[in-house]
Amino acid sequence: MTHEVRAVVARKKGAPVSVETMGRPETYHQAFNARDLAGTVVLVGVPAPDMTVDLPLLDVFGRGGSLMSSWYGDCLPSRDFPALIDLCLQGRFDLAGFVSEEIALDEVEAAFDKTRRGEVPRSVVVL
């Protein structure tokens, strides 16, 4: 856990909600330890098929709270994407803030490699 996150967590005794966005075991551990008692950890980053998380069961049991994943925000694209587009068009949702880098089509494989290594969470192809 970074020094900055550790300082905030110590002052507040943990976060009510901690979101892991990289899909990596080490960042999942950080998110788990950053939440307060009875807090929620949300796994958003998609892990590689062979990745596992090793947590002592007593820690999971003793801290309470919730451990959950969120696949595409648990949304229904046919229902939710039009609403998000409307919010973007109204200037009420900063979609650009979710883009880590813009890439050309021929850079897709390199972008996947960077994501697997945990270097870049979100690449967008610009045609």
Protein backbone atom coordinates (compact mmCIF):
# COMPACT_ATOMS: atom_id res chain seq x y z
CA MET A 1 0.00 0.00 0.00
CA THR A 2 1.39 3.40 -0.90
CA HIS A 3 2.47 5.81 1.82
CA GLU A 4 -0.28 8.28 0.86
CA VAL A 5 -3.05 5.69 0.98
CA ARG A 6 -1.72 4.29 4.26
CA ALA A 7 -1.81 7.81 5.81
CA VAL A 8 -5.43 8.42 4.78
CA VAL A 9 -6.52 4.96 5.89
CA ALA A 10 -4.81 5.37 9.27
CA ARG A 11 -6.54 8.71 9.92
CA LYS A 12 -9.97 7.37 9.01
CA LYS A 13 -9.46 3.81 10.27
CA GLY A 14 -10.08 2.56 6.77
CA ALA A 15 -12.30 3.35 3.83
CA PRO A 16 -15.96 2.34 3.74
CA VAL A 17 -15.47 1.22 0.13
CA SER A 18 -12.21 0.22 -1.49
CA VAL A 19 -12.09 -0.37 -5.26
CA GLU A 20 -9.40 -2.48 -6.93
CA THR A 21 -9.02 -1.59 -10.62
CA MET A 22 -5.95 -3.46 -11.84
CA GLY A 23 -7.06 -7.08 -11.44
CA ARG A 24 -3.85 -8.04 -9.66
CA PRO A 25 -3.46 -9.98 -6.39
CA GLU A 26 -1.17 -7.37 -4.81
CA THR A 27 -3.61 -4.53 -5.43
CA TYR A 28 -6.50 -6.68 -4.22
CA HIS A 29 -4.59 -7.19 -0.94
CA GLN A 30 -4.10 -3.42 -0.72
CA ALA A 31 -7.79 -2.79 -1.27
CA PHE A 32 -8.71 -5.44 1.32
CA ASN A 33 -6.41 -3.88 3.92
CA ALA A 34 -7.47 -0.32 3.10
CA ARG A 35 -11.13 -0.85 3.96
CA ASP A 36 -12.55 -0.30 7.41
CA LEU A 37 -14.23 -3.00 9.47
CA ALA A 38 -17.44 -3.98 7.72
CA GLY A 39 -16.28 -2.08 4.60
CA THR A 40 -16.67 -3.30 1.06
CA VAL A 41 -13.95 -4.29 -1.41
CA VAL A 42 -15.00 -4.15 -5.06
CA LEU A 43 -12.89 -5.97 -7.64
CA VAL A 44 -13.26 -4.09 -10.94
CA GLY A 45 -9.99 -4.98 -12.64
CA VAL A 46 -10.23 -8.21 -14.61
CA PRO A 47 -7.58 -10.71 -13.46
CA ALA A 48 -5.75 -13.16 -15.68
CA PRO A 49 -7.29 -16.65 -15.59
CA ASP A 50 -4.37 -18.05 -13.57
CA MET A 51 -4.34 -15.36 -10.86
CA THR A 52 -5.37 -16.22 -7.31
CA VAL A 53 -5.68 -14.30 -4.05
CA ASP A 54 -4.48 -15.83 -0.83
CA LEU A 55 -6.19 -14.29 2.21
CA PRO A 56 -6.22 -15.80 5.68
CA LEU A 57 -9.81 -16.83 6.27
CA LEU A 58 -9.69 -15.48 9.81
CA ASP A 59 -8.94 -12.00 8.37
CA VAL A 60 -11.90 -12.28 5.99
CA PHE A 61 -14.17 -13.52 8.77
CA GLY A 62 -12.87 -11.16 11.47
CA ARG A 63 -13.12 -7.99 9.40
CA GLY A 64 -16.64 -8.62 8.20
CA GLY A 65 -17.86 -6.52 5.33
CA SER A 66 -18.20 -7.55 1.73
CA LEU A 67 -15.90 -8.78 -0.99
CA MET A 68 -17.46 -8.45 -4.42
CA SER A 69 -16.65 -8.15 -8.09
CA SER A 70 -18.18 -5.83 -10.63
CA TRP A 71 -18.23 -6.93 -14.27
CA TYR A 72 -18.85 -3.85 -16.44
CA GLY A 73 -20.24 -2.18 -13.33
CA ASP A 74 -22.83 -4.95 -13.15
CA CYS A 75 -24.73 -3.02 -15.76
CA LEU A 76 -26.84 -4.11 -18.69
CA PRO A 77 -25.16 -2.45 -21.70
CA SER A 78 -28.39 -2.27 -23.69
CA ARG A 79 -30.04 -0.36 -20.84
CA ASP A 80 -27.16 1.52 -19.22
CA PHE A 81 -24.89 2.59 -22.10
CA PRO A 82 -27.52 4.93 -23.61
CA ALA A 83 -28.00 6.56 -20.18
CA LEU A 84 -24.23 7.02 -19.80
CA ILE A 85 -23.99 8.49 -23.30
CA ASP A 86 -26.75 10.96 -22.42
CA LEU A 87 -24.88 11.97 -19.25
CA CYS A 88 -21.68 12.47 -21.31
CA LEU A 89 -23.50 14.62 -23.84
CA GLN A 90 -24.96 16.71 -21.00
CA GLY A 91 -21.46 17.20 -19.53
CA ARG A 92 -22.44 15.38 -16.32
CA PHE A 93 -20.14 12.34 -16.77
CA ASP A 94 -16.40 12.64 -17.50
CA LEU A 95 -15.82 9.63 -19.72
CA ALA A 96 -12.37 10.92 -20.72
CA GLY A 97 -11.26 10.51 -17.10
CA PHE A 98 -11.50 6.75 -17.52
CA VAL A 99 -9.05 6.65 -20.43
CA SER A 100 -5.45 5.93 -19.43
CA GLU A 101 -4.04 6.13 -22.94
CA GLU A 102 -5.11 6.42 -26.54
CA ILE A 103 -3.57 3.94 -28.97
CA ALA A 104 -3.59 3.12 -32.68
CA LEU A 105 -5.15 -0.12 -33.88
CA ASP A 106 -1.73 -1.70 -34.48
CA GLU A 107 -0.83 -1.10 -30.79
CA VAL A 108 -3.59 -3.30 -29.37
CA GLU A 109 -1.39 -6.30 -28.53
CA ALA A 110 1.17 -4.08 -26.77
CA ALA A 111 -1.68 -2.44 -24.82
CA PHE A 112 -2.95 -5.86 -23.68
CA ASP A 113 0.57 -6.71 -22.53
CA LYS A 114 0.78 -3.45 -20.53
CA THR A 115 -2.58 -4.18 -18.94
CA ARG A 116 -1.52 -7.72 -18.00
CA ARG A 117 1.59 -6.29 -16.33
CA GLY A 118 -0.54 -3.80 -14.42
CA GLU A 119 1.04 -0.78 -16.11
CA VAL A 120 -2.05 0.70 -17.78
CA PRO A 121 -5.64 0.03 -16.68
CA ARG A 122 -7.51 1.31 -19.74
CA SER A 123 -6.42 1.83 -23.35
CA VAL A 124 -8.74 3.15 -26.02
CA VAL A 125 -8.22 2.61 -29.74
CA VAL A 126 -8.47 5.81 -31.76
CA LEU A 127 -9.09 5.27 -35.45
